[in-house]
N, C-alpha and C. Protein backbone atom coordinates (compact mmCIF):
# COMPACT_ATOMS: atom_id res chain seq x y z
N MET A 1 -1.28 8.45 -45.15
CA MET A 1 -1.52 7.52 -44.07
C MET A 1 -1.82 6.57 -44.03
N LYS A 2 -1.85 5.74 -43.07
CA LYS A 2 -2.04 3.58 -43.10
C LYS A 2 -3.29 4.01 -42.71
N ARG A 3 -3.98 3.34 -42.65
CA ARG A 3 -5.27 3.11 -42.37
C ARG A 3 -5.75 2.95 -40.74
N TRP A 4 -4.62 2.29 -39.99
CA TRP A 4 -4.33 1.51 -38.36
C TRP A 4 -4.10 2.95 -37.74
N GLN A 5 -3.31 3.90 -38.31
CA GLN A 5 -3.79 5.13 -37.93
C GLN A 5 -4.70 6.21 -37.71
N LEU A 6 -5.60 5.88 -39.18
CA LEU A 6 -6.25 7.21 -39.07
C LEU A 6 -6.82 6.39 -38.23
N LEU A 7 -7.82 5.15 -38.12
CA LEU A 7 -7.99 4.98 -37.19
C LEU A 7 -8.10 4.86 -35.71
N CYS A 8 -7.14 4.81 -35.51
CA CYS A 8 -6.39 4.72 -34.22
C CYS A 8 -6.89 6.41 -33.86
N MET A 9 -6.08 7.71 -34.79
CA MET A 9 -6.76 8.82 -34.38
C MET A 9 -8.58 9.21 -34.37
N LEU A 10 -9.11 8.36 -35.06
CA LEU A 10 -10.83 8.53 -34.33
C LEU A 10 -11.18 8.08 -33.42
N ILE A 11 -10.48 7.42 -32.89
CA ILE A 11 -11.22 6.97 -31.71
C ILE A 11 -11.00 7.80 -30.62
N SER A 12 -9.26 8.06 -30.55
CA SER A 12 -8.52 8.98 -29.93
C SER A 12 -9.20 9.71 -29.51
N LEU A 13 -9.58 10.50 -30.49
CA LEU A 13 -10.12 12.11 -30.56
C LEU A 13 -11.78 11.85 -29.54
N PRO A 14 -12.12 11.15 -29.72
CA PRO A 14 -13.72 11.07 -29.34
C PRO A 14 -12.95 11.49 -27.43
N LEU A 15 -12.25 9.86 -27.28
CA LEU A 15 -11.55 9.42 -25.94
C LEU A 15 -10.77 10.28 -25.08
N MET A 16 -10.02 11.66 -25.85
CA MET A 16 -9.70 12.52 -24.92
C MET A 16 -10.55 13.77 -24.59
N LEU A 17 -11.66 14.33 -25.66
CA LEU A 17 -12.39 15.10 -25.75
C LEU A 17 -13.81 14.05 -24.44
N LEU A 18 -13.97 12.96 -24.34
CA LEU A 18 -14.17 11.98 -22.75
C LEU A 18 -13.67 13.16 -21.43
N ALA A 19 -12.12 13.07 -22.10
CA ALA A 19 -11.28 13.02 -20.47
C ALA A 19 -11.14 14.44 -19.84
N VAL A 20 -11.78 14.86 -21.53
CA VAL A 20 -11.70 16.61 -20.78
C VAL A 20 -12.84 17.27 -20.25
N VAL A 21 -14.24 16.58 -20.36
CA VAL A 21 -15.37 16.86 -20.35
C VAL A 21 -15.32 16.61 -18.56
N TRP A 22 -14.66 14.60 -18.43
CA TRP A 22 -14.84 14.65 -17.08
C TRP A 22 -13.78 15.40 -15.95
N GLN A 23 -12.73 15.54 -16.32
CA GLN A 23 -11.92 16.35 -15.69
C GLN A 23 -12.37 17.94 -14.89
N ALA A 24 -12.73 18.27 -16.08
CA ALA A 24 -13.84 19.87 -15.82
C ALA A 24 -15.00 20.11 -15.13
N GLY A 25 -15.50 18.53 -15.52
CA GLY A 25 -16.84 17.80 -14.36
C GLY A 25 -16.27 17.80 -12.55
N HIS A 26 -15.45 17.15 -13.09
CA HIS A 26 -14.71 16.45 -11.64
C HIS A 26 -13.72 17.89 -10.56
N GLN A 27 -13.12 18.51 -11.05
CA GLN A 27 -12.50 20.18 -11.41
C GLN A 27 -13.81 21.37 -10.25
N ALA A 28 -14.96 21.10 -11.10
CA ALA A 28 -15.72 22.08 -10.38
C ALA A 28 -16.40 21.05 -9.28
N MET A 29 -16.46 20.38 -9.26
CA MET A 29 -17.19 19.03 -8.20
C MET A 29 -16.24 19.67 -6.44
N LEU A 30 -14.69 19.67 -7.34
CA LEU A 30 -13.85 19.91 -6.25
C LEU A 30 -13.76 21.60 -5.78
N PHE A 31 -14.29 22.43 -6.95
CA PHE A 31 -14.03 23.84 -6.07
C PHE A 31 -15.61 24.32 -5.46
N ALA A 32 -16.20 23.25 -5.10
CA ALA A 32 -17.71 23.32 -4.75
C ALA A 32 -17.27 22.56 -3.87
N GLU A 33 -17.18 22.09 -4.02
CA GLU A 33 -16.86 21.12 -2.56
C GLU A 33 -15.62 21.89 -1.14
N ALA A 34 -14.54 22.65 -2.09
CA ALA A 34 -13.51 23.66 -1.63
C ALA A 34 -14.39 25.08 -0.82
N ARG A 35 -15.75 25.38 -1.59
CA ARG A 35 -15.76 26.29 -1.55
C ARG A 35 -17.08 26.03 -0.10
N GLU A 36 -17.60 25.00 -0.34
CA GLU A 36 -18.28 24.80 1.31
C GLU A 36 -17.42 24.41 2.48
N LEU A 37 -16.71 23.60 2.19
CA LEU A 37 -15.06 23.69 3.50
C LEU A 37 -15.22 25.21 3.82
N GLN A 38 -14.88 26.22 3.08
CA GLN A 38 -14.09 27.12 3.92
C GLN A 38 -15.57 27.79 4.30
N HIS A 39 -16.64 27.67 4.13
CA HIS A 39 -18.10 28.33 4.44
C HIS A 39 -18.10 28.19 5.56
N GLN A 40 -17.91 26.50 6.21
CA GLN A 40 -17.82 25.91 7.15
C GLN A 40 -16.67 26.53 8.39
N GLN A 41 -15.94 25.92 8.02
CA GLN A 41 -14.63 26.91 8.30
C GLN A 41 -14.95 28.13 9.03
N GLU A 42 -15.71 29.03 8.59
CA GLU A 42 -15.74 30.18 9.08
C GLU A 42 -16.75 30.40 9.71
N SER A 43 -17.60 30.23 9.89
CA SER A 43 -18.34 28.90 11.02
C SER A 43 -18.25 28.36 12.18
N TRP A 44 -17.32 27.64 12.12
CA TRP A 44 -17.00 26.75 13.11
C TRP A 44 -15.90 28.27 13.88
N VAL A 45 -15.53 29.10 12.96
CA VAL A 45 -13.88 30.09 13.69
C VAL A 45 -15.02 31.24 14.62
N ALA A 46 -16.24 31.97 14.10
CA ALA A 46 -17.80 32.42 14.46
C ALA A 46 -18.21 31.66 16.14
N ALA A 47 -17.93 30.30 15.99
CA ALA A 47 -18.46 29.35 16.93
C ALA A 47 -17.23 30.06 18.13
N ASN A 48 -16.19 29.26 17.88
CA ASN A 48 -15.50 29.34 18.25
C ASN A 48 -14.94 30.56 18.83
N GLU A 49 -15.12 31.80 17.74
CA GLU A 49 -14.60 33.11 18.95
C GLU A 49 -15.60 33.34 19.97
N LYS A 50 -17.54 32.58 19.83
CA LYS A 50 -18.68 33.03 20.51
C LYS A 50 -18.03 32.35 21.97
N LEU A 51 -17.54 31.53 21.95
CA LEU A 51 -17.11 30.38 23.03
C LEU A 51 -16.02 30.96 23.57
N VAL A 52 -14.77 31.59 23.19
CA VAL A 52 -13.88 32.06 24.13
C VAL A 52 -14.83 33.14 24.74
N GLY A 53 -14.84 33.58 24.03
CA GLY A 53 -16.06 35.10 24.77
C GLY A 53 -16.77 35.01 26.00
N GLY A 54 -17.74 33.54 25.93
CA GLY A 54 -18.16 33.23 27.03
C GLY A 54 -16.92 32.76 27.73
N ILE A 55 -16.39 31.75 27.71
CA ILE A 55 -15.41 30.85 29.04
C ILE A 55 -14.75 32.31 29.34
N ALA A 56 -14.50 33.68 28.84
CA ALA A 56 -13.32 34.42 29.68
C ALA A 56 -14.25 35.40 30.68
N ILE A 57 -15.49 35.69 29.54
CA ILE A 57 -17.21 36.32 31.03
C ILE A 57 -16.78 35.72 31.83
N LEU A 58 -17.06 33.92 31.61
CA LEU A 58 -16.94 33.09 33.01
C LEU A 58 -15.88 32.93 33.98
N GLU A 59 -15.05 33.30 33.18
CA GLU A 59 -13.60 33.26 34.53
C GLU A 59 -13.28 34.30 34.61
N SER A 60 -13.83 35.83 34.90
CA SER A 60 -13.49 36.77 35.65
C SER A 60 -13.66 36.12 37.14
N ARG A 61 -12.80 37.31 37.43
CA ARG A 61 -12.66 37.93 39.02
C ARG A 61 -13.88 38.51 39.24
N GLU A 62 -13.97 39.26 37.74
CA GLU A 62 -15.80 39.84 39.46
C GLU A 62 -16.39 39.36 39.22
N ARG A 63 -16.81 38.29 38.25
CA ARG A 63 -17.95 37.59 38.59
C ARG A 63 -18.21 37.01 39.13
N ALA A 64 -16.75 36.06 39.58
CA ALA A 64 -16.99 35.05 41.00
C ALA A 64 -17.11 35.75 42.21
N SER A 65 -16.33 37.62 42.03
CA SER A 65 -16.44 37.48 43.54
C SER A 65 -17.90 37.87 43.31
N ILE A 66 -19.13 38.40 42.59
CA ILE A 66 -19.78 38.80 43.19
C ILE A 66 -21.53 37.88 42.88
N LEU A 67 -20.94 36.28 42.35
CA LEU A 67 -21.43 35.33 42.62
C LEU A 67 -21.84 34.74 44.15
N ALA A 68 -19.96 34.87 44.95
CA ALA A 68 -19.60 34.66 46.68
C ALA A 68 -20.58 35.30 47.23
N GLY A 69 -20.71 37.10 46.41
CA GLY A 69 -21.68 38.34 47.05
C GLY A 69 -22.42 37.70 47.09
N GLN A 70 -23.38 37.23 46.20
CA GLN A 70 -25.12 36.86 46.33
C GLN A 70 -24.68 35.13 46.87
N MET A 71 -23.94 34.79 46.99
CA MET A 71 -24.43 33.24 47.58
C MET A 71 -23.86 33.90 49.61
N GLY A 72 -23.73 34.64 49.89
CA GLY A 72 -23.47 34.87 51.05
C GLY A 72 -22.05 34.89 51.66
N LEU A 73 -21.15 34.30 50.64
CA LEU A 73 -19.75 33.73 50.85
C LEU A 73 -18.43 35.58 51.42
N GLU A 74 -17.72 35.26 51.96
CA GLU A 74 -16.54 36.33 51.89
C GLU A 74 -15.38 35.57 51.92
N ARG A 75 -13.90 36.40 51.82
CA ARG A 75 -13.06 36.43 51.42
C ARG A 75 -12.64 36.27 53.02
N ALA A 76 -11.62 35.04 52.77
CA ALA A 76 -11.05 34.24 54.27
C ALA A 76 -9.91 35.90 54.56
N THR A 77 -10.21 36.38 55.77
CA THR A 77 -8.90 37.29 56.31
C THR A 77 -8.02 36.29 57.19
N ALA A 78 -6.84 36.90 57.80
CA ALA A 78 -6.21 36.51 58.38
C ALA A 78 -6.32 35.52 59.56
N SER A 79 -7.30 35.99 59.92
CA SER A 79 -7.61 36.07 61.93
C SER A 79 -8.58 34.99 61.11
N ARG A 80 -9.33 34.66 60.51
CA ARG A 80 -10.21 33.33 59.61
C ARG A 80 -9.32 32.48 59.45
N ARG A 81 -8.36 32.51 59.14
CA ARG A 81 -7.53 31.44 58.16
C ARG A 81 -7.52 30.35 59.62
N ILE A 82 -7.24 28.91 59.09
CA ILE A 82 -6.79 27.65 60.37
C ILE A 82 -5.48 27.24 59.57
N PHE A 83 -4.41 26.95 60.80
CA PHE A 83 -3.32 26.61 60.22
C PHE A 83 -3.07 24.98 60.47
N ILE A 84 -3.09 24.00 59.76
CA ILE A 84 -3.45 22.48 60.52
C ILE A 84 -1.30 22.41 60.65
N GLU A 85 -0.86 22.37 61.87
CA GLU A 85 0.81 21.58 62.47
C GLU A 85 0.50 19.57 61.55
N THR A 86 1.45 19.09 60.57
CA THR A 86 1.33 17.95 60.49
C THR A 86 2.83 17.03 60.72
N ALA A 87 3.04 16.20 62.12
CA ALA A 87 4.32 15.77 62.73
C ALA A 87 3.75 14.14 61.67
N ASP A 88 5.15 13.72 61.34
CA ASP A 88 6.07 12.25 60.65
C ASP A 88 5.33 11.37 62.02
N SER A 89 5.14 10.22 61.12
CA SER A 89 4.47 9.20 62.03
C SER A 89 5.25 7.90 61.61
N PRO A 90 5.66 7.08 62.49
CA PRO A 90 6.55 6.37 62.46
C PRO A 90 5.61 5.36 61.33
N VAL A 91 4.35 4.44 60.99
CA VAL A 91 3.91 4.59 60.30
C VAL A 91 4.02 4.63 58.82
N THR A 92 3.50 6.44 59.17
CA THR A 92 4.08 6.34 58.11
C THR A 92 5.18 7.98 57.05
N LYS A 93 5.77 7.23 58.15
CA LYS A 93 7.89 8.09 57.81
C LYS A 93 8.11 7.27 56.63
N GLY A 94 8.31 6.28 56.32
CA GLY A 94 8.43 5.43 54.97
C GLY A 94 7.66 4.89 54.22
N ALA A 95 6.68 5.19 54.86
CA ALA A 95 5.45 4.15 53.07
C ALA A 95 5.27 5.75 52.07
N GLY A 96 5.39 7.13 53.04
CA GLY A 96 5.44 8.28 51.93
C GLY A 96 4.47 8.31 51.50
N LEU A 97 3.55 8.05 52.58
CA LEU A 97 2.02 8.85 53.08
C LEU A 97 1.64 10.33 53.53
N GLY A 98 0.86 10.73 53.14
CA GLY A 98 0.29 12.13 54.07
C GLY A 98 0.86 11.75 55.43
N ALA A 99 1.49 13.16 57.20
CA ALA A 99 2.03 12.25 57.98
C ALA A 99 0.15 12.54 58.60
N SER A 100 -0.50 12.64 59.98
CA SER A 100 -1.00 12.54 60.44
C SER A 100 -0.78 14.11 61.14
N PRO A 101 -1.99 14.56 62.00
CA PRO A 101 -2.29 15.76 62.50
C PRO A 101 -1.43 16.18 63.87
N ALA A 102 -0.90 16.53 64.00
CA ALA A 102 -0.21 16.90 65.81
C ALA A 102 -0.84 17.51 66.49
N GLY A 103 -1.66 19.32 65.40
CA GLY A 103 -1.99 19.72 66.29
C GLY A 103 -2.74 20.69 64.97
N VAL A 104 -3.99 21.47 65.42
CA VAL A 104 -4.59 23.14 64.83
C VAL A 104 -4.10 23.66 65.90
N LYS A 105 -4.43 24.83 64.90
CA LYS A 105 -4.04 25.89 65.27
C LYS A 105 -4.37 27.04 64.85
N GLY A 106 -5.04 28.61 65.09
CA GLY A 106 -5.56 29.47 64.17
C GLY A 106 -4.88 30.13 64.01
N ASN A 107 -5.16 31.36 63.64
CA ASN A 107 -3.79 32.35 63.22
C ASN A 107 -4.52 33.52 64.23
N GLY A 108 -5.34 33.82 64.94
CA GLY A 108 -5.65 34.58 65.62
C GLY A 108 -6.29 34.57 66.93
């Protein structure tokens, strides 16, 4: 073997070992980061499930009727509803705006 080939082999061997050590350390760091992200994701999923459950409770009709009863509200019956009839006026007819009320009539 020539002298320069031996010198290149002697220099490349420690460099290759250094590269392997760096790669192993980098890989261990990436695995640790992936584990941490997985733990964060699991905690976010658990928090999201709690929020979805809370939203379902807040949306329920039973809860709304209980709160309405506590506030003294009643469901509107057909006799208590008011209907407003509207007619187009010359001012609002072409403008596409809402019509003015022509009269109010109750249902009962």
